[in-house]
PDB file of N, CA and C in Angstrom:
ATOM      1  N   MET A   1      -3.311  11.709   1.667  1.00  0.00           N
ATOM      2  CA  MET A   1      -4.634  11.849   0.586  1.00  0.00           C
ATOM      3  C   MET A   1      -5.483  10.765   1.314  1.00  0.00           C
ATOM      4  N   THR A   2      -6.628  11.493   1.431  1.00  0.00           N
ATOM      5  CA  THR A   2      -7.865  10.345   1.627  1.00  0.00           C
ATOM      6  C   THR A   2      -8.487   9.973   0.526  1.00  0.00           C
ATOM      7  N   ILE A   3      -8.734   8.954   0.207  1.00  0.00           N
ATOM      8  CA  ILE A   3      -9.615   8.310  -0.838  1.00  0.00           C
ATOM      9  C   ILE A   3     -11.045   8.594  -0.662  1.00  0.00           C
ATOM     10  N   LYS A   4     -11.906   9.364  -1.577  1.00  0.00           N
ATOM     11  CA  LYS A   4     -12.981   9.540  -1.672  1.00  0.00           C
ATOM     12  C   LYS A   4     -13.903   8.236  -2.352  1.00  0.00           C
ATOM     13  N   PRO A   5     -14.160   7.511  -1.251  1.00  0.00           N
ATOM     14  CA  PRO A   5     -15.100   6.112  -2.103  1.00  0.00           C
ATOM     15  C   PRO A   5     -16.165   6.470  -2.394  1.00  0.00           C
ATOM     16  N   ALA A   6     -16.618   5.629  -3.542  1.00  0.00           N
ATOM     17  CA  ALA A   6     -17.965   5.454  -3.887  1.00  0.00           C
ATOM     18  C   ALA A   6     -18.575   4.656  -2.790  1.00  0.00           C
ATOM     19  N   ARG A   7     -20.190   4.817  -2.874  1.00  0.00           N
ATOM     20  CA  ARG A   7     -20.802   3.968  -1.955  1.00  0.00           C
ATOM     21  C   ARG A   7     -20.658   2.339  -2.244  1.00  0.00           C
ATOM     22  N   ARG A   8     -20.377   1.897  -3.233  1.00  0.00           N
ATOM     23  CA  ARG A   8     -20.487   0.605  -3.574  1.00  0.00           C
ATOM     24  C   ARG A   8     -18.829   0.068  -2.977  1.00  0.00           C
ATOM     25  N   GLN A   9     -18.045   0.925  -2.770  1.00  0.00           N
ATOM     26  CA  GLN A   9     -16.552   0.661  -2.343  1.00  0.00           C
ATOM     27  C   GLN A   9     -16.630   0.650  -0.813  1.00  0.00           C
ATOM     28  N   VAL A  10     -17.387   1.310  -0.231  1.00  0.00           N
ATOM     29  CA  VAL A  10     -17.481   1.235   1.202  1.00  0.00           C
ATOM     30  C   VAL A  10     -18.291   0.069   1.556  1.00  0.00           C
ATOM     31  N   GLN A  11     -19.310  -0.585   0.936  1.00  0.00           N
ATOM     32  CA  GLN A  11     -20.010  -1.522   1.069  1.00  0.00           C
ATOM     33  C   GLN A  11     -19.344  -2.804   0.748  1.00  0.00           C
ATOM     34  N   GLU A  12     -18.401  -2.926  -0.205  1.00  0.00           N
ATOM     35  CA  GLU A  12     -17.499  -3.790  -0.748  1.00  0.00           C
ATOM     36  C   GLU A  12     -16.494  -4.227   0.706  1.00  0.00           C
ATOM     37  N   LEU A  13     -15.690  -3.002   1.042  1.00  0.00           N
ATOM     38  CA  LEU A  13     -14.795  -2.908   2.066  1.00  0.00           C
ATOM     39  C   LEU A  13     -15.417  -3.533   3.276  1.00  0.00           C
ATOM     40  N   GLY A  14     -16.659  -3.427   3.542  1.00  0.00           N
ATOM     41  CA  GLY A  14     -17.491  -3.663   4.719  1.00  0.00           C
ATOM     42  C   GLY A  14     -17.538  -5.055   4.903  1.00  0.00           C
ATOM     43  N   GLU A  15     -17.865  -5.770   3.540  1.00  0.00           N
ATOM     44  CA  GLU A  15     -18.124  -7.106   3.482  1.00  0.00           C
ATOM     45  C   GLU A  15     -16.938  -7.930   3.594  1.00  0.00           C
ATOM     46  N   LYS A  16     -16.121  -7.365   2.886  1.00  0.00           N
ATOM     47  CA  LYS A  16     -14.166  -7.721   3.325  1.00  0.00           C
ATOM     48  C   LYS A  16     -13.864  -7.877   4.186  1.00  0.00           C
ATOM     49  N   LEU A  17     -14.222  -7.031   5.330  1.00  0.00           N
ATOM     50  CA  LEU A  17     -13.491  -6.886   6.776  1.00  0.00           C
ATOM     51  C   LEU A  17     -13.414  -7.816   7.523  1.00  0.00           C
ATOM     52  N   PRO A  18     -14.483  -8.607   7.563  1.00  0.00           N
ATOM     53  CA  PRO A  18     -14.516 -10.095   8.658  1.00  0.00           C
ATOM     54  C   PRO A  18     -13.570 -10.922   8.037  1.00  0.00           C
ATOM     55  N   ALA A  19     -13.524 -11.176   6.699  1.00  0.00           N
ATOM     56  CA  ALA A  19     -12.287 -12.341   5.973  1.00  0.00           C
ATOM     57  C   ALA A  19     -10.983 -11.602   6.306  1.00  0.00           C
ATOM     58  N   PHE A  20     -10.543 -10.395   5.962  1.00  0.00           N
ATOM     59  CA  PHE A  20      -9.266  -9.792   6.236  1.00  0.00           C
ATOM     60  C   PHE A  20      -9.025  -9.993   7.691  1.00  0.00           C
ATOM     61  N   LEU A  21      -9.838  -9.841   8.783  1.00  0.00           N
ATOM     62  CA  LEU A  21      -9.338 -10.106   9.899  1.00  0.00           C
ATOM     63  C   LEU A  21      -9.137 -11.330  10.187  1.00  0.00           C
ATOM     64  N   ASP A  22      -9.771 -12.311   9.905  1.00  0.00           N
ATOM     65  CA  ASP A  22      -9.870 -13.739   9.988  1.00  0.00           C
ATOM     66  C   ASP A  22      -8.584 -14.416   9.337  1.00  0.00           C
ATOM     67  N   ILE A  23      -8.168 -13.936   8.288  1.00  0.00           N
ATOM     68  CA  ILE A  23      -7.073 -14.272   7.335  1.00  0.00           C
ATOM     69  C   ILE A  23      -5.867 -13.712   7.847  1.00  0.00           C
ATOM     70  N   TYR A  24      -5.680 -12.738   8.294  1.00  0.00           N
ATOM     71  CA  TYR A  24      -4.393 -12.042   8.925  1.00  0.00           C
ATOM     72  C   TYR A  24      -4.466 -11.518  10.322  1.00  0.00           C
ATOM     73  N   ALA A  25      -3.950 -12.333  11.210  1.00  0.00           N
ATOM     74  CA  ALA A  25      -4.117 -11.996  12.420  1.00  0.00           C
ATOM     75  C   ALA A  25      -3.517 -10.804  12.881  1.00  0.00           C
ATOM     76  N   PRO A  26      -3.993 -10.410  14.208  1.00  0.00           N
ATOM     77  CA  PRO A  26      -3.308  -9.319  14.793  1.00  0.00           C
ATOM     78  C   PRO A  26      -1.653  -8.983  14.829  1.00  0.00           C
ATOM     79  N   GLY A  27      -1.209 -10.370  14.609  1.00  0.00           N
ATOM     80  CA  GLY A  27       0.293 -10.139  14.640  1.00  0.00           C
ATOM     81  C   GLY A  27       0.838  -9.835  12.972  1.00  0.00           C
ATOM     82  N   GLU A  28       0.045 -10.168  12.232  1.00  0.00           N
ATOM     83  CA  GLU A  28       0.370  -9.726  10.824  1.00  0.00           C
ATOM     84  C   GLU A  28       0.205  -8.421  10.410  1.00  0.00           C
ATOM     85  N   LEU A  29       1.003  -7.451  11.218  1.00  0.00           N
ATOM     86  CA  LEU A  29       0.680  -6.165  10.950  1.00  0.00           C
ATOM     87  C   LEU A  29       0.741  -5.183   9.616  1.00  0.00           C
ATOM     88  N   GLU A  30       1.821  -6.059   8.629  1.00  0.00           N
ATOM     89  CA  GLU A  30       1.945  -5.491   7.066  1.00  0.00           C
ATOM     90  C   GLU A  30       0.845  -5.773   6.252  1.00  0.00           C
ATOM     91  N   ALA A  31      -0.127  -6.658   6.643  1.00  0.00           N
ATOM     92  CA  ALA A  31      -1.282  -7.156   5.645  1.00  0.00           C
ATOM     93  C   ALA A  31      -1.928  -5.762   5.448  1.00  0.00           C
ATOM     94  N   ILE A  32      -2.511  -5.938   4.185  1.00  0.00           N
ATOM     95  CA  ILE A  32      -3.060  -4.667   3.721  1.00  0.00           C
ATOM     96  C   ILE A  32      -4.013  -4.439   3.039  1.00  0.00           C
ATOM     97  N   LEU A  33      -4.898  -3.751   2.931  1.00  0.00           N
ATOM     98  CA  LEU A  33      -6.390  -3.474   2.187  1.00  0.00           C
ATOM     99  C   LEU A  33      -6.139  -2.510   1.057  1.00  0.00           C
ATOM    100  N   PHE A  34      -6.273  -2.860   0.030  1.00  0.00           N
ATOM    101  CA  PHE A  34      -6.018  -2.227  -1.384  1.00  0.00           C
ATOM    102  C   PHE A  34      -6.965  -1.827  -2.271  1.00  0.00           C
ATOM    103  N   LEU A  35      -7.098  -0.705  -2.883  1.00  0.00           N
ATOM    104  CA  LEU A  35      -7.700  -0.587  -4.043  1.00  0.00           C
ATOM    105  C   LEU A  35      -7.306  -0.862  -5.268  1.00  0.00           C
ATOM    106  N   ASP A  36      -7.689  -1.434  -6.427  1.00  0.00           N
ATOM    107  CA  ASP A  36      -7.198  -1.806  -7.619  1.00  0.00           C
ATOM    108  C   ASP A  36      -7.397  -0.683  -8.691  1.00  0.00           C
ATOM    109  N   PRO A  37      -6.946  -1.131  -9.694  1.00  0.00           N
ATOM    110  CA  PRO A  37      -7.066   0.088 -10.694  1.00  0.00           C
ATOM    111  C   PRO A  37      -8.545   0.230 -11.247  1.00  0.00           C
ATOM    112  N   SER A  38      -9.161  -1.058 -11.028  1.00  0.00           N
ATOM    113  CA  SER A  38     -10.622  -0.683 -11.515  1.00  0.00           C
ATOM    114  C   SER A  38     -11.547  -0.308 -10.496  1.00  0.00           C
ATOM    115  N   GLY A  39     -11.166  -0.014  -8.898  1.00  0.00           N
ATOM    116  CA  GLY A  39     -11.727   0.526  -8.121  1.00  0.00           C
ATOM    117  C   GLY A  39     -12.346  -0.827  -7.031  1.00  0.00           C
ATOM    118  N   LYS A  40     -11.959  -1.546  -7.207  1.00  0.00           N
ATOM    119  CA  LYS A  40     -12.495  -2.961  -6.317  1.00  0.00           C
ATOM    120  C   LYS A  40     -11.620  -3.038  -5.068  1.00  0.00           C
ATOM    121  N   ILE A  41     -12.198  -3.654  -4.012  1.00  0.00           N
ATOM    122  CA  ILE A  41     -11.301  -3.774  -2.859  1.00  0.00           C
ATOM    123  C   ILE A  41     -10.632  -5.017  -2.705  1.00  0.00           C
ATOM    124  N   GLY A  42      -9.133  -5.359  -2.389  1.00  0.00           N
ATOM    125  CA  GLY A  42      -8.558  -6.286  -1.967  1.00  0.00           C
ATOM    126  C   GLY A  42      -7.787  -6.494  -0.791  1.00  0.00           C
ATOM    127  N   TYR A  43      -7.433  -7.634  -0.570  1.00  0.00           N
ATOM    128  CA  TYR A  43      -6.422  -7.488   0.499  1.00  0.00           C
ATOM    129  C   TYR A  43      -5.400  -8.480   0.215  1.00  0.00           C
ATOM    130  N   ALA A  44      -4.164  -8.044   0.639  1.00  0.00           N
ATOM    131  CA  ALA A  44      -3.056  -9.094   0.465  1.00  0.00           C
ATOM    132  C   ALA A  44      -1.907  -9.024   1.368  1.00  0.00           C
ATOM    133  N   PRO A  45      -0.938 -10.002   1.822  1.00  0.00           N
ATOM    134  CA  PRO A  45      -0.132 -10.138   3.047  1.00  0.00           C
ATOM    135  C   PRO A  45       0.774  -8.910   3.019  1.00  0.00           C
ATOM    136  N   GLY A  46       1.083  -8.021   2.041  1.00  0.00           N
ATOM    137  CA  GLY A  46       1.675  -6.695   2.387  1.00  0.00           C
ATOM    138  C   GLY A  46       3.206  -6.892   2.158  1.00  0.00           C
ATOM    139  N   PRO A  47       3.929  -6.109   2.664  1.00  0.00           N
ATOM    140  CA  PRO A  47       3.843  -4.622   3.157  1.00  0.00           C
ATOM    141  C   PRO A  47       3.180  -3.658   1.736  1.00  0.00           C
ATOM    142  N   ASP A  48       3.618  -4.113   0.655  1.00  0.00           N
ATOM    143  CA  ASP A  48       3.243  -3.506  -0.584  1.00  0.00           C
ATOM    144  C   ASP A  48       2.019  -3.981  -1.220  1.00  0.00           C
ATOM    145  N   ALA A  49       1.415  -2.941  -1.907  1.00  0.00           N
ATOM    146  CA  ALA A  49       0.200  -3.295  -2.735  1.00  0.00           C
ATOM    147  C   ALA A  49       0.451  -3.949  -4.135  1.00  0.00           C
ATOM    148  N   PRO A  50      -0.164  -4.574  -4.748  1.00  0.00           N
ATOM    149  CA  PRO A  50       0.093  -5.405  -5.992  1.00  0.00           C
ATOM    150  C   PRO A  50       0.343  -4.219  -6.960  1.00  0.00           C
ATOM    151  N   ALA A  51       0.974  -4.438  -8.008  1.00  0.00           N
ATOM    152  CA  ALA A  51       1.477  -3.097  -8.860  1.00  0.00           C
ATOM    153  C   ALA A  51       0.178  -2.665  -9.444  1.00  0.00           C
ATOM    154  N   GLY A  52       0.060  -1.379  -9.478  1.00  0.00           N
ATOM    155  CA  GLY A  52      -1.480  -0.475 -10.102  1.00  0.00           C
ATOM    156  C   GLY A  52      -2.148  -0.255  -9.298  1.00  0.00           C
ATOM    157  N   CYS A  53      -1.878  -0.781  -7.683  1.00  0.00           N
ATOM    158  CA  CYS A  53      -3.223  -0.867  -6.685  1.00  0.00           C
ATOM    159  C   CYS A  53      -2.504   0.438  -5.813  1.00  0.00           C
ATOM    160  N   ILE A  54      -3.773   0.719  -5.057  1.00  0.00           N
ATOM    161  CA  ILE A  54      -3.015   1.698  -3.855  1.00  0.00           C
ATOM    162  C   ILE A  54      -3.518   1.097  -2.650  1.00  0.00           C
ATOM    163  N   THR A  55      -2.325   1.465  -1.519  1.00  0.00           N
ATOM    164  CA  THR A  55      -2.813   0.884  -0.384  1.00  0.00           C
ATOM    165  C   THR A  55      -4.034   1.527   0.370  1.00  0.00           C
ATOM    166  N   ILE A  56      -4.959   1.309   0.906  1.00  0.00           N
ATOM    167  CA  ILE A  56      -5.819   1.864   1.833  1.00  0.00           C
ATOM    168  C   ILE A  56      -5.224   1.825   3.436  1.00  0.00           C
ATOM    169  N   MET A  57      -4.855   0.862   3.835  1.00  0.00           N
ATOM    170  CA  MET A  57      -4.368   0.600   5.215  1.00  0.00           C
ATOM    171  C   MET A  57      -3.822  -0.772   5.592  1.00  0.00           C
ATOM    172  N   ASN A  58      -2.642  -0.818   6.487  1.00  0.00           N
ATOM    173  CA  ASN A  58      -2.578  -1.964   6.513  1.00  0.00           C
ATOM    174  C   ASN A  58      -3.238  -2.645   8.071  1.00  0.00           C
ATOM    175  N   ARG A  59      -2.752  -3.923   8.511  1.00  0.00           N
ATOM    176  CA  ARG A  59      -3.596  -4.630   9.517  1.00  0.00           C
ATOM    177  C   ARG A  59      -3.207  -3.838  10.737  1.00  0.00           C
ATOM    178  N   ALA A  60      -2.072  -3.029  11.054  1.00  0.00           N
ATOM    179  CA  ALA A  60      -1.848  -2.383  12.093  1.00  0.00           C
ATOM    180  C   ALA A  60      -2.688  -0.963  12.278  1.00  0.00           C
ATOM    181  N   GLY A  61      -3.022  -0.568  11.147  1.00  0.00           N
ATOM    182  CA  GLY A  61      -3.802   0.870  11.195  1.00  0.00           C
ATOM    183  C   GLY A  61      -5.262   0.120  11.716  1.00  0.00           C
ATOM    184  N   VAL A  62      -5.697  -1.083  10.992  1.00  0.00           N
ATOM    185  CA  VAL A  62      -7.303  -1.088  11.054  1.00  0.00           C
ATOM    186  C   VAL A  62      -7.176  -1.410  12.681  1.00  0.00           C
ATOM    187  N   ASP A  63      -6.144  -2.279  13.230  1.00  0.00           N
ATOM    188  CA  ASP A  63      -6.146  -2.762  14.609  1.00  0.00           C
ATOM    189  C   ASP A  63      -6.503  -1.115  15.241  1.00  0.00           C
ATOM    190  N   ARG A  64      -5.507  -0.038  15.082  1.00  0.00           N
ATOM    191  CA  ARG A  64      -5.495   0.982  15.826  1.00  0.00           C
ATOM    192  C   ARG A  64      -6.976   1.610  16.022  1.00  0.00           C
ATOM    193  N   LEU A  65      -7.644   1.547  14.615  1.00  0.00           N
ATOM    194  CA  LEU A  65      -9.059   2.165  14.794  1.00  0.00           C
ATOM    195  C   LEU A  65      -9.983   1.520  15.380  1.00  0.00           C
ATOM    196  N   MET A  66      -9.481   0.041  15.332  1.00  0.00           N
ATOM    197  CA  MET A  66     -10.748  -0.638  16.061  1.00  0.00           C
ATOM    198  C   MET A  66     -10.735  -0.328  17.567  1.00  0.00           C
ATOM    199  N   VAL A  67      -9.289  -0.221  18.198  1.00  0.00           N
ATOM    200  CA  VAL A  67      -9.269   0.076  19.754  1.00  0.00           C
ATOM    201  C   VAL A  67      -9.763   1.779  19.947  1.00  0.00           C
ATOM    202  N   LEU A  68      -9.120   2.586  19.054  1.00  0.00           N
ATOM    203  CA  LEU A  68      -9.509   3.932  19.167  1.00  0.00           C
ATOM    204  C   LEU A  68     -10.936   4.377  19.171  1.00  0.00           C
ATOM    205  N   HIS A  69     -11.954   3.361  18.418  1.00  0.00           N
ATOM    206  CA  HIS A  69     -13.141   3.834  18.100  1.00  0.00           C
ATOM    207  C   HIS A  69     -14.391   2.769  18.739  1.00  0.00           C
ATOM    208  N   ALA A  70     -13.148   1.882  19.812  1.00  0.00           N
ATOM    209  CA  ALA A  70     -14.159   0.544  20.348  1.00  0.00           C
ATOM    210  C   ALA A  70     -15.058  -0.405  19.502  1.00  0.00           C
ATOM    211  N   TYR A  71     -14.254  -0.208  18.531  1.00  0.00           N
ATOM    212  CA  TYR A  71     -14.891  -1.575  17.562  1.00  0.00           C
ATOM    213  C   TYR A  71     -14.239  -3.017  17.957  1.00  0.00           C
ATOM    214  N   THR A  72     -15.105  -4.117  18.038  1.00  0.00           N
ATOM    215  CA  THR A  72     -14.853  -5.302  18.434  1.00  0.00           C
ATOM    216  C   THR A  72     -15.131  -6.176  17.299  1.00  0.00           C
ATOM    217  N   PRO A  73     -14.364  -7.711  17.052  1.00  0.00           N
ATOM    218  CA  PRO A  73     -14.694  -8.149  16.025  1.00  0.00           C
ATOM    219  C   PRO A  73     -16.269  -8.652  15.695  1.00  0.00           C
ATOM    220  N   LEU A  74     -16.932  -8.504  16.775  1.00  0.00           N
ATOM    221  CA  LEU A  74     -18.229  -8.718  16.678  1.00  0.00           C
ATOM    222  C   LEU A  74     -19.146  -7.961  16.117  1.00  0.00           C
ATOM    223  N   ASP A  75     -18.470  -6.495  16.364  1.00  0.00           N
ATOM    224  CA  ASP A  75     -19.280  -5.400  15.740  1.00  0.00           C
ATOM    225  C   ASP A  75     -18.926  -5.416  14.131  1.00  0.00           C
ATOM    226  N   LEU A  76     -17.910  -5.927  13.835  1.00  0.00           N
ATOM    227  CA  LEU A  76     -17.607  -6.107  12.348  1.00  0.00           C
ATOM    228  C   LEU A  76     -18.329  -7.063  11.861  1.00  0.00           C
ATOM    229  N   ALA A  77     -18.706  -7.999  12.515  1.00  0.00           N
ATOM    230  CA  ALA A  77     -19.561  -9.322  12.109  1.00  0.00           C
ATOM    231  C   ALA A  77     -20.954  -9.035  11.515  1.00  0.00           C
ATOM    232  N   ARG A  78     -21.516  -7.679  12.285  1.00  0.00           N
ATOM    233  CA  ARG A  78     -22.875  -7.012  11.700  1.00  0.00           C
ATOM    234  C   ARG A  78     -22.583  -6.276  10.735  1.00  0.00           C
ATOM    235  N   ASP A  79     -23.717  -6.176   9.667  1.00  0.00           N
ATOM    236  CA  ASP A  79     -23.764  -5.310   8.778  1.00  0.00           C
ATOM    237  C   ASP A  79     -23.565  -3.513   9.268  1.00  0.00           C
ATOM    238  N   PRO A  80     -24.421  -3.052  10.166  1.00  0.00           N
ATOM    239  CA  PRO A  80     -24.387  -1.660  10.361  1.00  0.00           C
ATOM    240  C   PRO A  80     -22.796  -1.484  10.869  1.00  0.00           C
ATOM    241  N   GLY A  81     -22.478  -2.027  11.746  1.00  0.00           N
ATOM    242  CA  GLY A  81     -21.063  -1.762  12.411  1.00  0.00           C
ATOM    243  C   GLY A  81     -19.824  -2.017  11.339  1.00  0.00           C
ATOM    244  N   ARG A  82     -20.196  -2.657  10.214  1.00  0.00           N
ATOM    245  CA  ARG A  82     -19.313  -3.132   9.233  1.00  0.00           C
ATOM    246  C   ARG A  82     -18.903  -1.748   8.524  1.00  0.00           C
ATOM    247  N   GLU A  83     -19.975  -1.391   7.837  1.00  0.00           N
ATOM    248  CA  GLU A  83     -20.059  -0.312   6.936  1.00  0.00           C
ATOM    249  C   GLU A  83     -19.546   0.979   7.630  1.00  0.00           C
ATOM    250  N   ALA A  84     -19.897   1.200   8.919  1.00  0.00           N
ATOM    251  CA  ALA A  84     -19.463   2.187   9.726  1.00  0.00           C
ATOM    252  C   ALA A  84     -17.956   2.280   9.744  1.00  0.00           C
ATOM    253  N   PHE A  85     -17.522   1.238   9.812  1.00  0.00           N
ATOM    254  CA  PHE A  85     -15.997   1.077   9.984  1.00  0.00           C
ATOM    255  C   PHE A  85     -15.448   1.327   8.963  1.00  0.00           C
ATOM    256  N   ALA A  86     -16.133   0.609   7.744  1.00  0.00           N
ATOM    257  CA  ALA A  86     -15.316   0.701   6.501  1.00  0.00           C
ATOM    258  C   ALA A  86     -15.128   2.354   6.166  1.00  0.00           C
ATOM    259  N   GLU A  87     -16.095   3.056   6.290  1.00  0.00           N
ATOM    260  CA  GLU A  87     -16.210   4.474   6.141  1.00  0.00           C
ATOM    261  C   GLU A  87     -15.254   4.869   7.235  1.00  0.00           C
ATOM    262  N   LEU A  88     -14.751   4.570   8.349  1.00  0.00           N
ATOM    263  CA  LEU A  88     -13.636   5.036   9.014  1.00  0.00           C
ATOM    264  C   LEU A  88     -12.458   4.761   8.570  1.00  0.00           C
ATOM    265  N   ILE A  89     -12.328   3.739   7.921  1.00  0.00           N
ATOM    266  CA  ILE A  89     -10.966   3.448   7.030  1.00  0.00           C
ATOM    267  C   ILE A  89     -10.750   4.070   6.256  1.00  0.00           C
ATOM    268  N   PHE A  90     -11.555   4.577   5.276  1.00  0.00           N
ATOM    269  CA  PHE A  90     -11.399   5.237   4.166  1.00  0.00           C
ATOM    270  C   PHE A  90     -11.040   6.716   4.384  1.00  0.00           C
ATOM    271  N   GLU A  91     -12.051   7.344   5.753  1.00  0.00           N
ATOM    272  CA  GLU A  91     -11.437   8.516   6.305  1.00  0.00           C
ATOM    273  C   GLU A  91     -10.141   8.870   6.643  1.00  0.00           C
ATOM    274  N   ASN A  92      -9.466   7.733   6.989  1.00  0.00           N
ATOM    275  CA  ASN A  92      -8.325   7.685   7.655  1.00  0.00           C
ATOM    276  C   ASN A  92      -7.429   6.551   6.746  1.00  0.00           C
ATOM    277  N   SER A  93      -7.400   6.610   5.665  1.00  0.00           N
ATOM    278  CA  SER A  93      -6.781   5.936   4.457  1.00  0.00           C
ATOM    279  C   SER A  93      -5.355   6.524   4.783  1.00  0.00           C
ATOM    280  N   TRP A  94      -4.349   5.420   4.390  1.00  0.00           N
ATOM    281  CA  TRP A  94      -2.847   5.868   4.087  1.00  0.00           C
ATOM    282  C   TRP A  94      -2.427   5.997   2.722  1.00  0.00           C
ATOM    283  N   SER A  95      -3.528   6.260   1.767  1.00  0.00           N
ATOM    284  CA  SER A  95      -3.001   6.294   0.256  1.00  0.00           C
ATOM    285  C   SER A  95      -2.343   7.379   0.152  1.00  0.00           C
ATOM    286  N   SER A  96      -1.292   7.270  -1.301  1.00  0.00           N
ATOM    287  CA  SER A  96      -0.586   8.104  -1.392  1.00  0.00           C
ATOM    288  C   SER A  96      -0.702   8.402  -2.879  1.00  0.00           C
TER     289      SER A  96
END
């Protein structure tokens, strides 16, 4: 099931991506991005989302999208790149 995010959620995910990538190194594949019950974006060490939250994607999935779509960490440090990548994450979300 793909999450249909609100515009603010795409922006929020874009804003949180640099911190997520800094906190959880590429080897921490189970770290996750999640959507909480109030619709806010968060991240955690994983592999499971906190109670009541929906997993969007784990670090392995984010890395895979970065490679497949030729994004670099520098791209995600820039506003246009972050937002476009956040949309890509939602389009490929692993939520259930």
